[in-house]
């Protein structure tokens, strides 16, 4: 799941080397994926009205469901 978000994020931004992703266990067995990017690229990650971020969360949910897990995406500033 971490690799999926990393691939999408690096494809969107101008500075892919500044993408940092961590995967941590959350409450009740949920996997929390934290995404950090350069300040200049945050607009590209979030998208207009949060559409890109919502799409990334939807894809992450689909992947987690296939693996019979739960996952959330946190975008850090």
PDB file of N, CA and C in Angstrom:
ATOM      1  N   UNK A   1       0.824  -1.189   0.000  1.00  0.00           N
ATOM      2  CA  UNK A   1       0.000   0.000   0.000  1.00  0.00           C
ATOM      3  C   UNK A   1       0.870   1.255   0.000  1.00  0.00           C
ATOM      4  N   UNK A   2       1.944   1.200   0.750  1.00  0.00           N
ATOM      5  CA  UNK A   2       2.864   2.337   0.810  1.00  0.00           C
ATOM      6  C   UNK A   2       3.455   2.618  -0.571  1.00  0.00           C
ATOM      7  N   UNK A   3       3.766   1.557  -1.307  1.00  0.00           N
ATOM      8  CA  UNK A   3       4.358   1.708  -2.635  1.00  0.00           C
ATOM      9  C   UNK A   3       3.387   2.366  -3.616  1.00  0.00           C
ATOM     10  N   UNK A   4       2.107   2.044  -3.486  1.00  0.00           N
ATOM     11  CA  UNK A   4       1.089   2.640  -4.349  1.00  0.00           C
ATOM     12  C   UNK A   4       1.025   4.150  -4.152  1.00  0.00           C
ATOM     13  N   UNK A   5       0.946   4.592  -2.910  1.00  0.00           N
ATOM     14  CA  UNK A   5       0.873   6.022  -2.614  1.00  0.00           C
ATOM     15  C   UNK A   5       2.162   6.717  -3.031  1.00  0.00           C
ATOM     16  N   UNK A   6       3.294   6.056  -2.819  1.00  0.00           N
ATOM     17  CA  UNK A   6       4.578   6.647  -3.203  1.00  0.00           C
ATOM     18  C   UNK A   6       4.649   6.838  -4.713  1.00  0.00           C
ATOM     19  N   UNK A   7       4.210   5.858  -5.482  1.00  0.00           N
ATOM     20  CA  UNK A   7       4.220   5.955  -6.937  1.00  0.00           C
ATOM     21  C   UNK A   7       3.335   7.098  -7.427  1.00  0.00           C
ATOM     22  N   UNK A   8       2.131   7.196  -6.883  1.00  0.00           N
ATOM     23  CA  UNK A   8       1.200   8.240  -7.295  1.00  0.00           C
ATOM     24  C   UNK A   8       1.755   9.623  -6.944  1.00  0.00           C
ATOM     25  N   UNK A   9       2.238   9.765  -5.713  1.00  0.00           N
ATOM     26  CA  UNK A   9       2.736  11.065  -5.254  1.00  0.00           C
ATOM     27  C   UNK A   9       3.945  11.518  -6.065  1.00  0.00           C
ATOM     28  N   UNK A  10       4.879  10.615  -6.317  1.00  0.00           N
ATOM     29  CA  UNK A  10       6.081  10.975  -7.078  1.00  0.00           C
ATOM     30  C   UNK A  10       5.743  11.315  -8.521  1.00  0.00           C
ATOM     31  N   UNK A  11       4.676  10.738  -9.046  1.00  0.00           N
ATOM     32  CA  UNK A  11       4.254  11.032 -10.413  1.00  0.00           C
ATOM     33  C   UNK A  11       3.629  12.426 -10.529  1.00  0.00           C
ATOM     34  N   UNK A  12       3.081  12.938  -9.430  1.00  0.00           N
ATOM     35  CA  UNK A  12       2.368  14.213  -9.454  1.00  0.00           C
ATOM     36  C   UNK A  12       3.269  15.433  -9.265  1.00  0.00           C
ATOM     37  N   UNK A  13       4.327  15.312  -8.499  1.00  0.00           N
ATOM     38  CA  UNK A  13       5.083  16.478  -8.043  1.00  0.00           C
ATOM     39  C   UNK A  13       6.276  16.798  -8.938  1.00  0.00           C
ATOM     40  N   UNK A  14       6.801  18.005  -8.751  1.00  0.00           N
ATOM     41  CA  UNK A  14       7.995  18.426  -9.484  1.00  0.00           C
ATOM     42  C   UNK A  14       9.287  17.986  -8.794  1.00  0.00           C
ATOM     43  N   UNK A  15       9.227  17.774  -7.468  1.00  0.00           N
ATOM     44  CA  UNK A  15      10.399  17.351  -6.702  1.00  0.00           C
ATOM     45  C   UNK A  15      10.141  15.984  -6.076  1.00  0.00           C
ATOM     46  N   UNK A  16      10.227  14.902  -6.857  1.00  0.00           N
ATOM     47  CA  UNK A  16       9.890  13.581  -6.308  1.00  0.00           C
ATOM     48  C   UNK A  16      10.846  13.109  -5.218  1.00  0.00           C
ATOM     49  N   UNK A  17      12.055  13.661  -5.175  1.00  0.00           N
ATOM     50  CA  UNK A  17      13.010  13.244  -4.150  1.00  0.00           C
ATOM     51  C   UNK A  17      12.633  13.756  -2.767  1.00  0.00           C
ATOM     52  N   UNK A  18      11.714  14.710  -2.694  1.00  0.00           N
ATOM     53  CA  UNK A  18      11.296  15.261  -1.408  1.00  0.00           C
ATOM     54  C   UNK A  18      10.012  14.624  -0.862  1.00  0.00           C
ATOM     55  N   UNK A  19       9.578  13.540  -1.479  1.00  0.00           N
ATOM     56  CA  UNK A  19       8.416  12.802  -0.990  1.00  0.00           C
ATOM     57  C   UNK A  19       8.888  11.853   0.108  1.00  0.00           C
ATOM     58  N   UNK A  20       8.235  11.921   1.271  1.00  0.00           N
ATOM     59  CA  UNK A  20       8.558  11.032   2.382  1.00  0.00           C
ATOM     60  C   UNK A  20       7.269  10.350   2.832  1.00  0.00           C
ATOM     61  N   UNK A  21       7.319   9.021   2.876  1.00  0.00           N
ATOM     62  CA  UNK A  21       6.141   8.248   3.240  1.00  0.00           C
ATOM     63  C   UNK A  21       6.510   7.288   4.357  1.00  0.00           C
ATOM     64  N   UNK A  22       5.654   7.241   5.374  1.00  0.00           N
ATOM     65  CA  UNK A  22       5.853   6.272   6.455  1.00  0.00           C
ATOM     66  C   UNK A  22       4.563   5.494   6.662  1.00  0.00           C
ATOM     67  N   UNK A  23       4.722   4.255   7.079  1.00  0.00           N
ATOM     68  CA  UNK A  23       3.584   3.371   7.316  1.00  0.00           C
ATOM     69  C   UNK A  23       3.632   2.951   8.779  1.00  0.00           C
ATOM     70  N   UNK A  24       2.572   3.240   9.506  1.00  0.00           N
ATOM     71  CA  UNK A  24       2.529   2.962  10.936  1.00  0.00           C
ATOM     72  C   UNK A  24       1.251   2.218  11.286  1.00  0.00           C
ATOM     73  N   UNK A  25       1.315   1.348  12.277  1.00  0.00           N
ATOM     74  CA  UNK A  25       0.071   0.716  12.727  1.00  0.00           C
ATOM     75  C   UNK A  25      -0.758   1.724  13.505  1.00  0.00           C
ATOM     76  N   UNK A  26      -2.040   1.727  13.250  1.00  0.00           N
ATOM     77  CA  UNK A  26      -2.934   2.648  13.943  1.00  0.00           C
ATOM     78  C   UNK A  26      -3.817   1.903  14.920  1.00  0.00           C
ATOM     79  N   UNK A  27      -4.829   2.596  15.378  1.00  0.00           N
ATOM     80  CA  UNK A  27      -5.787   1.987  16.301  1.00  0.00           C
ATOM     81  C   UNK A  27      -6.602   0.910  15.586  1.00  0.00           C
ATOM     82  N   UNK A  28      -7.053  -0.034  16.323  1.00  0.00           N
ATOM     83  CA  UNK A  28      -7.914  -1.146  15.870  1.00  0.00           C
ATOM     84  C   UNK A  28      -7.438  -1.817  14.574  1.00  0.00           C
ATOM     85  N   UNK A  29      -6.130  -1.989  14.418  1.00  0.00           N
ATOM     86  CA  UNK A  29      -5.587  -2.712  13.270  1.00  0.00           C
ATOM     87  C   UNK A  29      -5.520  -1.933  11.976  1.00  0.00           C
ATOM     88  N   UNK A  30      -5.805  -0.663  12.016  1.00  0.00           N
ATOM     89  CA  UNK A  30      -5.746   0.169  10.825  1.00  0.00           C
ATOM     90  C   UNK A  30      -4.301   0.530  10.512  1.00  0.00           C
ATOM     91  N   UNK A  31      -3.947   0.566   9.246  1.00  0.00           N
ATOM     92  CA  UNK A  31      -2.632   1.003   8.812  1.00  0.00           C
ATOM     93  C   UNK A  31      -2.731   2.485   8.467  1.00  0.00           C
ATOM     94  N   UNK A  32      -1.857   3.304   9.048  1.00  0.00           N
ATOM     95  CA  UNK A  32      -1.853   4.741   8.787  1.00  0.00           C
ATOM     96  C   UNK A  32      -0.650   5.050   7.908  1.00  0.00           C
ATOM     97  N   UNK A  33      -0.911   5.603   6.739  1.00  0.00           N
ATOM     98  CA  UNK A  33       0.153   5.992   5.830  1.00  0.00           C
ATOM     99  C   UNK A  33       0.249   7.506   5.859  1.00  0.00           C
ATOM    100  N   UNK A  34       1.439   7.999   6.205  1.00  0.00           N
ATOM    101  CA  UNK A  34       1.665   9.441   6.306  1.00  0.00           C
ATOM    102  C   UNK A  34       2.507   9.889   5.124  1.00  0.00           C
ATOM    103  N   UNK A  35       2.033  10.931   4.456  1.00  0.00           N
ATOM    104  CA  UNK A  35       2.675  11.454   3.259  1.00  0.00           C
ATOM    105  C   UNK A  35       3.113  12.888   3.500  1.00  0.00           C
ATOM    106  N   UNK A  36       4.394  13.165   3.263  1.00  0.00           N
ATOM    107  CA  UNK A  36       4.923  14.518   3.375  1.00  0.00           C
ATOM    108  C   UNK A  36       5.610  14.870   2.063  1.00  0.00           C
ATOM    109  N   UNK A  37       5.436  16.118   1.635  1.00  0.00           N
ATOM    110  CA  UNK A  37       6.036  16.580   0.388  1.00  0.00           C
ATOM    111  C   UNK A  37       6.552  18.002   0.594  1.00  0.00           C
ATOM    112  N   UNK A  38       7.277  18.496  -0.397  1.00  0.00           N
ATOM    113  CA  UNK A  38       7.769  19.870  -0.344  1.00  0.00           C
ATOM    114  C   UNK A  38       6.577  20.823  -0.338  1.00  0.00           C
ATOM    115  N   UNK A  39       6.740  21.955   0.297  1.00  0.00           N
ATOM    116  CA  UNK A  39       5.640  22.924   0.418  1.00  0.00           C
ATOM    117  C   UNK A  39       5.133  23.367  -0.953  1.00  0.00           C
ATOM    118  N   UNK A  40       6.038  23.498  -1.924  1.00  0.00           N
ATOM    119  CA  UNK A  40       5.642  23.917  -3.272  1.00  0.00           C
ATOM    120  C   UNK A  40       4.755  22.880  -3.967  1.00  0.00           C
ATOM    121  N   UNK A  41       4.878  21.624  -3.576  1.00  0.00           N
ATOM    122  CA  UNK A  41       4.143  20.546  -4.235  1.00  0.00           C
ATOM    123  C   UNK A  41       2.851  20.160  -3.527  1.00  0.00           C
ATOM    124  N   UNK A  42       2.558  20.766  -2.403  1.00  0.00           N
ATOM    125  CA  UNK A  42       1.370  20.370  -1.654  1.00  0.00           C
ATOM    126  C   UNK A  42       0.084  20.612  -2.447  1.00  0.00           C
ATOM    127  N   UNK A  43       0.053  21.655  -3.235  1.00  0.00           N
ATOM    128  CA  UNK A  43      -1.122  21.921  -4.064  1.00  0.00           C
ATOM    129  C   UNK A  43      -1.370  20.824  -5.076  1.00  0.00           C
ATOM    130  N   UNK A  44      -0.298  20.266  -5.612  1.00  0.00           N
ATOM    131  CA  UNK A  44      -0.436  19.173  -6.581  1.00  0.00           C
ATOM    132  C   UNK A  44      -0.910  17.892  -5.901  1.00  0.00           C
ATOM    133  N   UNK A  45      -0.464  17.671  -4.677  1.00  0.00           N
ATOM    134  CA  UNK A  45      -0.865  16.477  -3.938  1.00  0.00           C
ATOM    135  C   UNK A  45      -2.340  16.561  -3.540  1.00  0.00           C
ATOM    136  N   UNK A  46      -2.759  17.718  -3.058  1.00  0.00           N
ATOM    137  CA  UNK A  46      -4.132  17.874  -2.581  1.00  0.00           C
ATOM    138  C   UNK A  46      -5.103  18.058  -3.746  1.00  0.00           C
ATOM    139  N   UNK A  47      -4.746  18.851  -4.729  1.00  0.00           N
ATOM    140  CA  UNK A  47      -5.610  19.070  -5.879  1.00  0.00           C
ATOM    141  C   UNK A  47      -6.700  20.086  -5.593  1.00  0.00           C
ATOM    142  N   UNK A  48      -7.425  20.475  -6.636  1.00  0.00           N
ATOM    143  CA  UNK A  48      -8.510  21.434  -6.479  1.00  0.00           C
ATOM    144  C   UNK A  48      -9.611  20.825  -5.634  1.00  0.00           C
ATOM    145  N   UNK A  49      -9.973  21.544  -4.584  1.00  0.00           N
ATOM    146  CA  UNK A  49     -11.018  21.129  -3.646  1.00  0.00           C
ATOM    147  C   UNK A  49     -10.751  19.744  -3.065  1.00  0.00           C
ATOM    148  N   UNK A  50      -9.470  19.332  -3.021  1.00  0.00           N
ATOM    149  CA  UNK A  50      -9.103  18.060  -2.415  1.00  0.00           C
ATOM    150  C   UNK A  50      -9.398  16.840  -3.263  1.00  0.00           C
ATOM    151  N   UNK A  51      -9.646  17.032  -4.542  1.00  0.00           N
ATOM    152  CA  UNK A  51     -10.031  15.911  -5.404  1.00  0.00           C
ATOM    153  C   UNK A  51      -8.918  14.889  -5.569  1.00  0.00           C
ATOM    154  N   UNK A  52      -7.685  15.347  -5.736  1.00  0.00           N
ATOM    155  CA  UNK A  52      -6.565  14.413  -5.908  1.00  0.00           C
ATOM    156  C   UNK A  52      -6.335  13.615  -4.634  1.00  0.00           C
ATOM    157  N   UNK A  53      -6.374  14.274  -3.496  1.00  0.00           N
ATOM    158  CA  UNK A  53      -6.202  13.579  -2.219  1.00  0.00           C
ATOM    159  C   UNK A  53      -7.326  12.565  -2.007  1.00  0.00           C
ATOM    160  N   UNK A  54      -8.534  12.940  -2.365  1.00  0.00           N
ATOM    161  CA  UNK A  54      -9.672  12.031  -2.213  1.00  0.00           C
ATOM    162  C   UNK A  54      -9.505  10.813  -3.128  1.00  0.00           C
ATOM    163  N   UNK A  55      -9.021  11.039  -4.338  1.00  0.00           N
ATOM    164  CA  UNK A  55      -8.797   9.925  -5.266  1.00  0.00           C
ATOM    165  C   UNK A  55      -7.713   8.988  -4.738  1.00  0.00           C
ATOM    166  N   UNK A  56      -6.653   9.553  -4.160  1.00  0.00           N
ATOM    167  CA  UNK A  56      -5.591   8.723  -3.584  1.00  0.00           C
ATOM    168  C   UNK A  56      -6.141   7.892  -2.422  1.00  0.00           C
ATOM    169  N   UNK A  57      -6.986   8.490  -1.606  1.00  0.00           N
ATOM    170  CA  UNK A  57      -7.588   7.760  -0.478  1.00  0.00           C
ATOM    171  C   UNK A  57      -8.512   6.646  -0.981  1.00  0.00           C
ATOM    172  N   UNK A  58      -9.230   6.906  -2.072  1.00  0.00           N
ATOM    173  CA  UNK A  58     -10.111   5.896  -2.642  1.00  0.00           C
ATOM    174  C   UNK A  58      -9.309   4.705  -3.163  1.00  0.00           C
ATOM    175  N   UNK A  59      -8.213   4.971  -3.864  1.00  0.00           N
ATOM    176  CA  UNK A  59      -7.364   3.897  -4.359  1.00  0.00           C
ATOM    177  C   UNK A  59      -6.734   3.111  -3.215  1.00  0.00           C
ATOM    178  N   UNK A  60      -6.311   3.825  -2.179  1.00  0.00           N
ATOM    179  CA  UNK A  60      -5.728   3.171  -1.011  1.00  0.00           C
ATOM    180  C   UNK A  60      -6.763   2.269  -0.335  1.00  0.00           C
ATOM    181  N   UNK A  61      -7.979   2.751  -0.231  1.00  0.00           N
ATOM    182  CA  UNK A  61      -9.057   1.955   0.355  1.00  0.00           C
ATOM    183  C   UNK A  61      -9.320   0.692  -0.457  1.00  0.00           C
ATOM    184  N   UNK A  62      -9.305   0.807  -1.775  1.00  0.00           N
ATOM    185  CA  UNK A  62      -9.538  -0.343  -2.639  1.00  0.00           C
ATOM    186  C   UNK A  62      -8.424  -1.379  -2.461  1.00  0.00           C
ATOM    187  N   UNK A  63      -7.198  -0.914  -2.414  1.00  0.00           N
ATOM    188  CA  UNK A  63      -6.050  -1.822  -2.225  1.00  0.00           C
ATOM    189  C   UNK A  63      -6.124  -2.494  -0.857  1.00  0.00           C
ATOM    190  N   UNK A  64      -6.450  -1.738   0.177  1.00  0.00           N
ATOM    191  CA  UNK A  64      -6.542  -2.295   1.525  1.00  0.00           C
ATOM    192  C   UNK A  64      -7.669  -3.318   1.615  1.00  0.00           C
ATOM    193  N   UNK A  65      -8.770  -3.047   0.966  1.00  0.00           N
ATOM    194  CA  UNK A  65      -9.900  -3.970   0.982  1.00  0.00           C
ATOM    195  C   UNK A  65      -9.524  -5.288   0.327  1.00  0.00           C
ATOM    196  N   UNK A  66      -8.765  -5.235  -0.751  1.00  0.00           N
ATOM    197  CA  UNK A  66      -8.319  -6.464  -1.417  1.00  0.00           C
ATOM    198  C   UNK A  66      -7.416  -7.290  -0.521  1.00  0.00           C
ATOM    199  N   UNK A  67      -6.674  -6.621   0.356  1.00  0.00           N
ATOM    200  CA  UNK A  67      -5.778  -7.308   1.292  1.00  0.00           C
ATOM    201  C   UNK A  67      -6.468  -7.584   2.631  1.00  0.00           C
ATOM    202  N   UNK A  68      -7.751  -7.307   2.711  1.00  0.00           N
ATOM    203  CA  UNK A  68      -8.568  -7.500   3.913  1.00  0.00           C
ATOM    204  C   UNK A  68      -7.986  -6.740   5.103  1.00  0.00           C
ATOM    205  N   UNK A  69      -7.652  -5.483   4.849  1.00  0.00           N
ATOM    206  CA  UNK A  69      -7.127  -4.587   5.876  1.00  0.00           C
ATOM    207  C   UNK A  69      -7.880  -3.274   5.800  1.00  0.00           C
ATOM    208  N   UNK A  70      -7.564  -2.364   6.721  1.00  0.00           N
ATOM    209  CA  UNK A  70      -8.097  -1.005   6.689  1.00  0.00           C
ATOM    210  C   UNK A  70      -6.909  -0.063   6.675  1.00  0.00           C
ATOM    211  N   UNK A  71      -7.024   1.003   5.905  1.00  0.00           N
ATOM    212  CA  UNK A  71      -5.918   1.947   5.803  1.00  0.00           C
ATOM    213  C   UNK A  71      -6.453   3.368   5.679  1.00  0.00           C
ATOM    214  N   UNK A  72      -5.663   4.311   6.204  1.00  0.00           N
ATOM    215  CA  UNK A  72      -5.989   5.730   6.063  1.00  0.00           C
ATOM    216  C   UNK A  72      -4.747   6.462   5.582  1.00  0.00           C
ATOM    217  N   UNK A  73      -4.970   7.565   4.905  1.00  0.00           N
ATOM    218  CA  UNK A  73      -3.887   8.392   4.397  1.00  0.00           C
ATOM    219  C   UNK A  73      -3.929   9.737   5.097  1.00  0.00           C
ATOM    220  N   UNK A  74      -2.795  10.120   5.675  1.00  0.00           N
ATOM    221  CA  UNK A  74      -2.657  11.449   6.293  1.00  0.00           C
ATOM    222  C   UNK A  74      -1.644  12.217   5.466  1.00  0.00           C
ATOM    223  N   UNK A  75      -2.024  13.412   5.051  1.00  0.00           N
ATOM    224  CA  UNK A  75      -1.111  14.273   4.313  1.00  0.00           C
ATOM    225  C   UNK A  75      -0.575  15.301   5.282  1.00  0.00           C
ATOM    226  N   UNK A  76       0.730  15.274   5.506  1.00  0.00           N
ATOM    227  CA  UNK A  76       1.389  16.160   6.465  1.00  0.00           C
ATOM    228  C   UNK A  76       1.919  17.396   5.763  1.00  0.00           C
ATOM    229  N   UNK A  77       1.917  18.498   6.456  1.00  0.00           N
ATOM    230  CA  UNK A  77       2.447  19.749   5.878  1.00  0.00           C
ATOM    231  C   UNK A  77       3.850  19.990   6.348  1.00  0.00           C
TER     232      UNK A  77
END
